[in-house]
Amino acid sequence: MTTDLTKPLIVAQLDVTGHPPSPLLIDGVHRLYHARHKHVARLPAYLLTVKETRQIQNNTLLGPGWTSIAPPA
């Protein structure tokens, strides 16, 4: 329980066809757990746009536009 609750969480937004963007916590699980344990109702967070989320998906492991390690059929 030594995580810094002032450090912002990072929340991505995934584009889901036919629905509003869906949030996905990508950094800060330990801070979220710590806050829950201490009954802290709000935490600071960076909310990435769908475009920003797509930019970070383009890494060497997954490659552009992939969302899983298995190649698309």
PDB file of N, CA and C in Angstrom:
ATOM      1  N   MET A   1       0.826  -1.211   0.000  1.00  0.00           N
ATOM      2  CA  MET A   1       0.000   0.000   0.000  1.00  0.00           C
ATOM      3  C   MET A   1       0.858   1.258   0.000  1.00  0.00           C
ATOM      4  N   THR A   2       1.889   1.239  -0.802  1.00  0.00           N
ATOM      5  CA  THR A   2       2.764   2.403  -0.876  1.00  0.00           C
ATOM      6  C   THR A   2       2.642   3.128  -2.214  1.00  0.00           C
ATOM      7  N   THR A   3       1.678   2.769  -3.021  1.00  0.00           N
ATOM      8  CA  THR A   3       1.516   3.436  -4.312  1.00  0.00           C
ATOM      9  C   THR A   3       1.092   4.889  -4.105  1.00  0.00           C
ATOM     10  N   ASP A   4       1.523   5.737  -5.004  1.00  0.00           N
ATOM     11  CA  ASP A   4       1.251   7.168  -4.936  1.00  0.00           C
ATOM     12  C   ASP A   4      -0.106   7.469  -5.571  1.00  0.00           C
ATOM     13  N   LEU A   5      -1.081   7.824  -4.747  1.00  0.00           N
ATOM     14  CA  LEU A   5      -2.431   8.079  -5.255  1.00  0.00           C
ATOM     15  C   LEU A   5      -2.571   9.423  -5.961  1.00  0.00           C
ATOM     16  N   THR A   6      -1.503  10.218  -5.980  1.00  0.00           N
ATOM     17  CA  THR A   6      -1.547  11.475  -6.722  1.00  0.00           C
ATOM     18  C   THR A   6      -1.068  11.293  -8.164  1.00  0.00           C
ATOM     19  N   LYS A   7      -0.445  10.152  -8.458  1.00  0.00           N
ATOM     20  CA  LYS A   7       0.006   9.866  -9.819  1.00  0.00           C
ATOM     21  C   LYS A   7      -1.210   9.442 -10.654  1.00  0.00           C
ATOM     22  N   PRO A   8      -1.426  10.070 -11.807  1.00  0.00           N
ATOM     23  CA  PRO A   8      -2.627   9.764 -12.596  1.00  0.00           C
ATOM     24  C   PRO A   8      -2.648   8.345 -13.177  1.00  0.00           C
ATOM     25  N   LEU A   9      -3.839   7.783 -13.233  1.00  0.00           N
ATOM     26  CA  LEU A   9      -4.071   6.539 -13.953  1.00  0.00           C
ATOM     27  C   LEU A   9      -3.992   6.867 -15.444  1.00  0.00           C
ATOM     28  N   ILE A  10      -3.808   5.853 -16.275  1.00  0.00           N
ATOM     29  CA  ILE A  10      -3.884   6.057 -17.722  1.00  0.00           C
ATOM     30  C   ILE A  10      -5.007   5.173 -18.246  1.00  0.00           C
ATOM     31  N   VAL A  11      -5.993   5.811 -18.868  1.00  0.00           N
ATOM     32  CA  VAL A  11      -7.161   5.119 -19.386  1.00  0.00           C
ATOM     33  C   VAL A  11      -7.216   5.313 -20.900  1.00  0.00           C
ATOM     34  N   ALA A  12      -7.196   4.201 -21.619  1.00  0.00           N
ATOM     35  CA  ALA A  12      -7.312   4.232 -23.074  1.00  0.00           C
ATOM     36  C   ALA A  12      -8.792   4.180 -23.453  1.00  0.00           C
ATOM     37  N   GLN A  13      -9.077   4.516 -24.693  1.00  0.00           N
ATOM     38  CA  GLN A  13     -10.436   4.369 -25.213  1.00  0.00           C
ATOM     39  C   GLN A  13     -10.369   3.506 -26.468  1.00  0.00           C
ATOM     40  N   LEU A  14     -11.134   2.430 -26.452  1.00  0.00           N
ATOM     41  CA  LEU A  14     -11.167   1.512 -27.580  1.00  0.00           C
ATOM     42  C   LEU A  14     -12.368   1.818 -28.452  1.00  0.00           C
ATOM     43  N   ASP A  15     -12.154   1.801 -29.756  1.00  0.00           N
ATOM     44  CA  ASP A  15     -13.223   2.048 -30.715  1.00  0.00           C
ATOM     45  C   ASP A  15     -14.011   0.759 -30.908  1.00  0.00           C
ATOM     46  N   VAL A  16     -15.276   0.781 -30.511  1.00  0.00           N
ATOM     47  CA  VAL A  16     -16.156  -0.370 -30.653  1.00  0.00           C
ATOM     48  C   VAL A  16     -17.240   0.006 -31.656  1.00  0.00           C
ATOM     49  N   THR A  17     -17.268  -0.676 -32.786  1.00  0.00           N
ATOM     50  CA  THR A  17     -18.199  -0.347 -33.865  1.00  0.00           C
ATOM     51  C   THR A  17     -19.640  -0.334 -33.364  1.00  0.00           C
ATOM     52  N   GLY A  18     -20.337   0.754 -33.634  1.00  0.00           N
ATOM     53  CA  GLY A  18     -21.745   0.872 -33.264  1.00  0.00           C
ATOM     54  C   GLY A  18     -21.978   1.281 -31.820  1.00  0.00           C
ATOM     55  N   HIS A  19     -20.902   1.579 -31.078  1.00  0.00           N
ATOM     56  CA  HIS A  19     -21.025   1.961 -29.667  1.00  0.00           C
ATOM     57  C   HIS A  19     -20.082   3.118 -29.375  1.00  0.00           C
ATOM     58  N   PRO A  20     -20.322   3.819 -28.269  1.00  0.00           N
ATOM     59  CA  PRO A  20     -19.370   4.860 -27.874  1.00  0.00           C
ATOM     60  C   PRO A  20     -18.024   4.216 -27.515  1.00  0.00           C
ATOM     61  N   PRO A  21     -16.928   4.982 -27.536  1.00  0.00           N
ATOM     62  CA  PRO A  21     -15.633   4.417 -27.149  1.00  0.00           C
ATOM     63  C   PRO A  21     -15.699   3.768 -25.768  1.00  0.00           C
ATOM     64  N   SER A  22     -15.006   2.650 -25.629  1.00  0.00           N
ATOM     65  CA  SER A  22     -15.014   1.886 -24.392  1.00  0.00           C
ATOM     66  C   SER A  22     -13.717   2.132 -23.623  1.00  0.00           C
ATOM     67  N   PRO A  23     -13.801   2.504 -22.327  1.00  0.00           N
ATOM     68  CA  PRO A  23     -12.591   2.773 -21.558  1.00  0.00           C
ATOM     69  C   PRO A  23     -11.866   1.488 -21.158  1.00  0.00           C
ATOM     70  N   LEU A  24     -10.527   1.574 -21.093  1.00  0.00           N
ATOM     71  CA  LEU A  24      -9.699   0.446 -20.670  1.00  0.00           C
ATOM     72  C   LEU A  24      -8.554   0.991 -19.835  1.00  0.00           C
ATOM     73  N   LEU A  25      -8.487   0.590 -18.576  1.00  0.00           N
ATOM     74  CA  LEU A  25      -7.404   1.005 -17.690  1.00  0.00           C
ATOM     75  C   LEU A  25      -6.124   0.306 -18.131  1.00  0.00           C
ATOM     76  N   ILE A  26      -5.110   1.089 -18.544  1.00  0.00           N
ATOM     77  CA  ILE A  26      -3.878   0.471 -19.026  1.00  0.00           C
ATOM     78  C   ILE A  26      -2.702   0.718 -18.087  1.00  0.00           C
ATOM     79  N   ASP A  27      -2.849   1.603 -17.115  1.00  0.00           N
ATOM     80  CA  ASP A  27      -1.815   1.801 -16.111  1.00  0.00           C
ATOM     81  C   ASP A  27      -2.464   2.342 -14.854  1.00  0.00           C
ATOM     82  N   GLY A  28      -2.185   1.698 -13.723  1.00  0.00           N
ATOM     83  CA  GLY A  28      -2.693   2.208 -12.454  1.00  0.00           C
ATOM     84  C   GLY A  28      -3.527   1.224 -11.663  1.00  0.00           C
ATOM     85  N   VAL A  29      -3.459  -0.053 -11.998  1.00  0.00           N
ATOM     86  CA  VAL A  29      -4.267  -1.051 -11.286  1.00  0.00           C
ATOM     87  C   VAL A  29      -3.935  -1.050  -9.792  1.00  0.00           C
ATOM     88  N   HIS A  30      -2.651  -0.955  -9.452  1.00  0.00           N
ATOM     89  CA  HIS A  30      -2.270  -0.957  -8.041  1.00  0.00           C
ATOM     90  C   HIS A  30      -2.790   0.288  -7.321  1.00  0.00           C
ATOM     91  N   ARG A  31      -2.760   1.428  -8.017  1.00  0.00           N
ATOM     92  CA  ARG A  31      -3.301   2.651  -7.413  1.00  0.00           C
ATOM     93  C   ARG A  31      -4.814   2.543  -7.223  1.00  0.00           C
ATOM     94  N   LEU A  32      -5.488   1.944  -8.180  1.00  0.00           N
ATOM     95  CA  LEU A  32      -6.939   1.750  -8.063  1.00  0.00           C
ATOM     96  C   LEU A  32      -7.269   0.855  -6.876  1.00  0.00           C
ATOM     97  N   TYR A  33      -6.518  -0.225  -6.720  1.00  0.00           N
ATOM     98  CA  TYR A  33      -6.720  -1.139  -5.578  1.00  0.00           C
ATOM     99  C   TYR A  33      -6.457  -0.414  -4.258  1.00  0.00           C
ATOM    100  N   HIS A  34      -5.361   0.321  -4.201  1.00  0.00           N
ATOM    101  CA  HIS A  34      -4.999   1.069  -2.998  1.00  0.00           C
ATOM    102  C   HIS A  34      -6.098   2.076  -2.641  1.00  0.00           C
ATOM    103  N   ALA A  35      -6.592   2.812  -3.633  1.00  0.00           N
ATOM    104  CA  ALA A  35      -7.653   3.796  -3.402  1.00  0.00           C
ATOM    105  C   ALA A  35      -8.922   3.133  -2.900  1.00  0.00           C
ATOM    106  N   ARG A  36      -9.268   2.006  -3.489  1.00  0.00           N
ATOM    107  CA  ARG A  36     -10.468   1.268  -3.051  1.00  0.00           C
ATOM    108  C   ARG A  36     -10.325   0.844  -1.593  1.00  0.00           C
ATOM    109  N   HIS A  37      -9.145   0.341  -1.248  1.00  0.00           N
ATOM    110  CA  HIS A  37      -8.872  -0.130   0.114  1.00  0.00           C
ATOM    111  C   HIS A  37      -8.978   1.022   1.128  1.00  0.00           C
ATOM    112  N   LYS A  38      -8.549   2.219   0.711  1.00  0.00           N
ATOM    113  CA  LYS A  38      -8.579   3.385   1.595  1.00  0.00           C
ATOM    114  C   LYS A  38      -9.852   4.218   1.433  1.00  0.00           C
ATOM    115  N   HIS A  39     -10.812   3.733   0.659  1.00  0.00           N
ATOM    116  CA  HIS A  39     -12.088   4.413   0.440  1.00  0.00           C
ATOM    117  C   HIS A  39     -11.911   5.793  -0.199  1.00  0.00           C
ATOM    118  N   VAL A  40     -10.948   5.900  -1.105  1.00  0.00           N
ATOM    119  CA  VAL A  40     -10.739   7.139  -1.863  1.00  0.00           C
ATOM    120  C   VAL A  40     -11.655   7.081  -3.079  1.00  0.00           C
ATOM    121  N   ALA A  41     -12.543   8.043  -3.192  1.00  0.00           N
ATOM    122  CA  ALA A  41     -13.578   8.003  -4.232  1.00  0.00           C
ATOM    123  C   ALA A  41     -13.088   8.452  -5.609  1.00  0.00           C
ATOM    124  N   ARG A  42     -12.070   9.306  -5.680  1.00  0.00           N
ATOM    125  CA  ARG A  42     -11.622   9.842  -6.966  1.00  0.00           C
ATOM    126  C   ARG A  42     -10.104   9.798  -7.071  1.00  0.00           C
ATOM    127  N   LEU A  43      -9.646   9.510  -8.273  1.00  0.00           N
ATOM    128  CA  LEU A  43      -8.219   9.517  -8.577  1.00  0.00           C
ATOM    129  C   LEU A  43      -7.994  10.343  -9.841  1.00  0.00           C
ATOM    130  N   PRO A  44      -6.844  10.997  -9.946  1.00  0.00           N
ATOM    131  CA  PRO A  44      -6.547  11.692 -11.200  1.00  0.00           C
ATOM    132  C   PRO A  44      -6.294  10.674 -12.304  1.00  0.00           C
ATOM    133  N   ALA A  45      -6.605  11.045 -13.530  1.00  0.00           N
ATOM    134  CA  ALA A  45      -6.408  10.124 -14.659  1.00  0.00           C
ATOM    135  C   ALA A  45      -6.177  10.895 -15.946  1.00  0.00           C
ATOM    136  N   TYR A  46      -5.358  10.298 -16.809  1.00  0.00           N
ATOM    137  CA  TYR A  46      -5.221  10.768 -18.183  1.00  0.00           C
ATOM    138  C   TYR A  46      -6.152   9.890 -19.016  1.00  0.00           C
ATOM    139  N   LEU A  47      -7.053  10.515 -19.755  1.00  0.00           N
ATOM    140  CA  LEU A  47      -7.956   9.792 -20.638  1.00  0.00           C
ATOM    141  C   LEU A  47      -7.463   9.989 -22.069  1.00  0.00           C
ATOM    142  N   LEU A  48      -6.931   8.918 -22.644  1.00  0.00           N
ATOM    143  CA  LEU A  48      -6.444   8.978 -24.017  1.00  0.00           C
ATOM    144  C   LEU A  48      -7.617   8.967 -24.987  1.00  0.00           C
ATOM    145  N   THR A  49      -7.463   9.651 -26.094  1.00  0.00           N
ATOM    146  CA  THR A  49      -8.480   9.593 -27.141  1.00  0.00           C
ATOM    147  C   THR A  49      -8.336   8.259 -27.884  1.00  0.00           C
ATOM    148  N   VAL A  50      -9.307   7.937 -28.716  1.00  0.00           N
ATOM    149  CA  VAL A  50      -9.215   6.733 -29.542  1.00  0.00           C
ATOM    150  C   VAL A  50      -7.977   6.819 -30.433  1.00  0.00           C
ATOM    151  N   LYS A  51      -7.709   7.999 -30.993  1.00  0.00           N
ATOM    152  CA  LYS A  51      -6.545   8.186 -31.867  1.00  0.00           C
ATOM    153  C   LYS A  51      -5.242   7.954 -31.095  1.00  0.00           C
ATOM    154  N   GLU A  52      -5.132   8.499 -29.900  1.00  0.00           N
ATOM    155  CA  GLU A  52      -3.935   8.295 -29.077  1.00  0.00           C
ATOM    156  C   GLU A  52      -3.768   6.824 -28.711  1.00  0.00           C
ATOM    157  N   THR A  53      -4.873   6.149 -28.408  1.00  0.00           N
ATOM    158  CA  THR A  53      -4.834   4.724 -28.074  1.00  0.00           C
ATOM    159  C   THR A  53      -4.313   3.925 -29.257  1.00  0.00           C
ATOM    160  N   ARG A  54      -4.775   4.249 -30.455  1.00  0.00           N
ATOM    161  CA  ARG A  54      -4.288   3.547 -31.658  1.00  0.00           C
ATOM    162  C   ARG A  54      -2.793   3.765 -31.856  1.00  0.00           C
ATOM    163  N   GLN A  55      -2.312   4.949 -31.533  1.00  0.00           N
ATOM    164  CA  GLN A  55      -0.885   5.232 -31.691  1.00  0.00           C
ATOM    165  C   GLN A  55      -0.038   4.352 -30.782  1.00  0.00           C
ATOM    166  N   ILE A  56      -0.487   4.094 -29.562  1.00  0.00           N
ATOM    167  CA  ILE A  56       0.311   3.255 -28.665  1.00  0.00           C
ATOM    168  C   ILE A  56       0.137   1.773 -28.968  1.00  0.00           C
ATOM    169  N   GLN A  57      -0.890   1.408 -29.736  1.00  0.00           N
ATOM    170  CA  GLN A  57      -1.037   0.011 -30.165  1.00  0.00           C
ATOM    171  C   GLN A  57       0.047  -0.364 -31.162  1.00  0.00           C
ATOM    172  N   ASN A  58       0.592   0.591 -31.866  1.00  0.00           N
ATOM    173  CA  ASN A  58       1.599   0.341 -32.891  1.00  0.00           C
ATOM    174  C   ASN A  58       2.961   0.130 -32.248  1.00  0.00           C
ATOM    175  N   ASN A  59       3.152  -1.074 -31.671  1.00  0.00           N
ATOM    176  CA  ASN A  59       4.444  -1.382 -31.072  1.00  0.00           C
ATOM    177  C   ASN A  59       5.056  -2.581 -31.782  1.00  0.00           C
ATOM    178  N   THR A  60       6.272  -2.944 -31.419  1.00  0.00           N
ATOM    179  CA  THR A  60       6.980  -4.007 -32.134  1.00  0.00           C
ATOM    180  C   THR A  60       6.398  -5.387 -31.897  1.00  0.00           C
ATOM    181  N   LEU A  61       5.733  -5.619 -30.781  1.00  0.00           N
ATOM    182  CA  LEU A  61       5.167  -6.937 -30.504  1.00  0.00           C
ATOM    183  C   LEU A  61       3.897  -7.178 -31.323  1.00  0.00           C
ATOM    184  N   LEU A  62       2.993  -6.217 -31.314  1.00  0.00           N
ATOM    185  CA  LEU A  62       1.705  -6.423 -31.975  1.00  0.00           C
ATOM    186  C   LEU A  62       1.684  -5.924 -33.412  1.00  0.00           C
ATOM    187  N   GLY A  63       2.401  -4.874 -33.702  1.00  0.00           N
ATOM    188  CA  GLY A  63       2.387  -4.310 -35.045  1.00  0.00           C
ATOM    189  C   GLY A  63       1.178  -3.408 -35.244  1.00  0.00           C
ATOM    190  N   PRO A  64       1.141  -2.662 -36.322  1.00  0.00           N
ATOM    191  CA  PRO A  64       0.075  -1.694 -36.557  1.00  0.00           C
ATOM    192  C   PRO A  64      -1.313  -2.319 -36.609  1.00  0.00           C
ATOM    193  N   GLY A  65      -2.223  -1.752 -35.795  1.00  0.00           N
ATOM    194  CA  GLY A  65      -3.632  -2.143 -35.861  1.00  0.00           C
ATOM    195  C   GLY A  65      -3.980  -3.488 -35.245  1.00  0.00           C
ATOM    196  N   TRP A  66      -2.996  -4.243 -34.770  1.00  0.00           N
ATOM    197  CA  TRP A  66      -3.325  -5.549 -34.179  1.00  0.00           C
ATOM    198  C   TRP A  66      -3.740  -5.374 -32.736  1.00  0.00           C
ATOM    199  N   THR A  67      -4.676  -6.201 -32.278  1.00  0.00           N
ATOM    200  CA  THR A  67      -5.101  -6.155 -30.883  1.00  0.00           C
ATOM    201  C   THR A  67      -4.863  -7.484 -30.184  1.00  0.00           C
ATOM    202  N   SER A  68      -4.236  -8.426 -30.872  1.00  0.00           N
ATOM    203  CA  SER A  68      -3.872  -9.700 -30.245  1.00  0.00           C
ATOM    204  C   SER A  68      -2.611 -10.211 -30.915  1.00  0.00           C
ATOM    205  N   ILE A  69      -1.954 -11.181 -30.284  1.00  0.00           N
ATOM    206  CA  ILE A  69      -0.719 -11.712 -30.832  1.00  0.00           C
ATOM    207  C   ILE A  69      -0.987 -12.599 -32.043  1.00  0.00           C
ATOM    208  N   ALA A  70      -2.119 -13.288 -32.071  1.00  0.00           N
ATOM    209  CA  ALA A  70      -2.465 -14.136 -33.217  1.00  0.00           C
ATOM    210  C   ALA A  70      -2.836 -13.244 -34.401  1.00  0.00           C
ATOM    211  N   PRO A  71      -2.299 -13.504 -35.591  1.00  0.00           N
ATOM    212  CA  PRO A  71      -2.646 -12.674 -36.749  1.00  0.00           C
ATOM    213  C   PRO A  71      -4.117 -12.824 -37.109  1.00  0.00           C
ATOM    214  N   PRO A  72      -4.707 -11.750 -37.681  1.00  0.00           N
ATOM    215  CA  PRO A  72      -6.113 -11.833 -38.077  1.00  0.00           C
ATOM    216  C   PRO A  72      -6.319 -12.874 -39.157  1.00  0.00           C
ATOM    217  N   ALA A  73      -7.474 -13.499 -39.133  1.00  0.00           N
ATOM    218  CA  ALA A  73      -7.782 -14.562 -40.133  1.00  0.00           C
ATOM    219  C   ALA A  73      -8.068 -13.980 -41.488  1.00  0.00           C
TER     220      ALA A  73
END
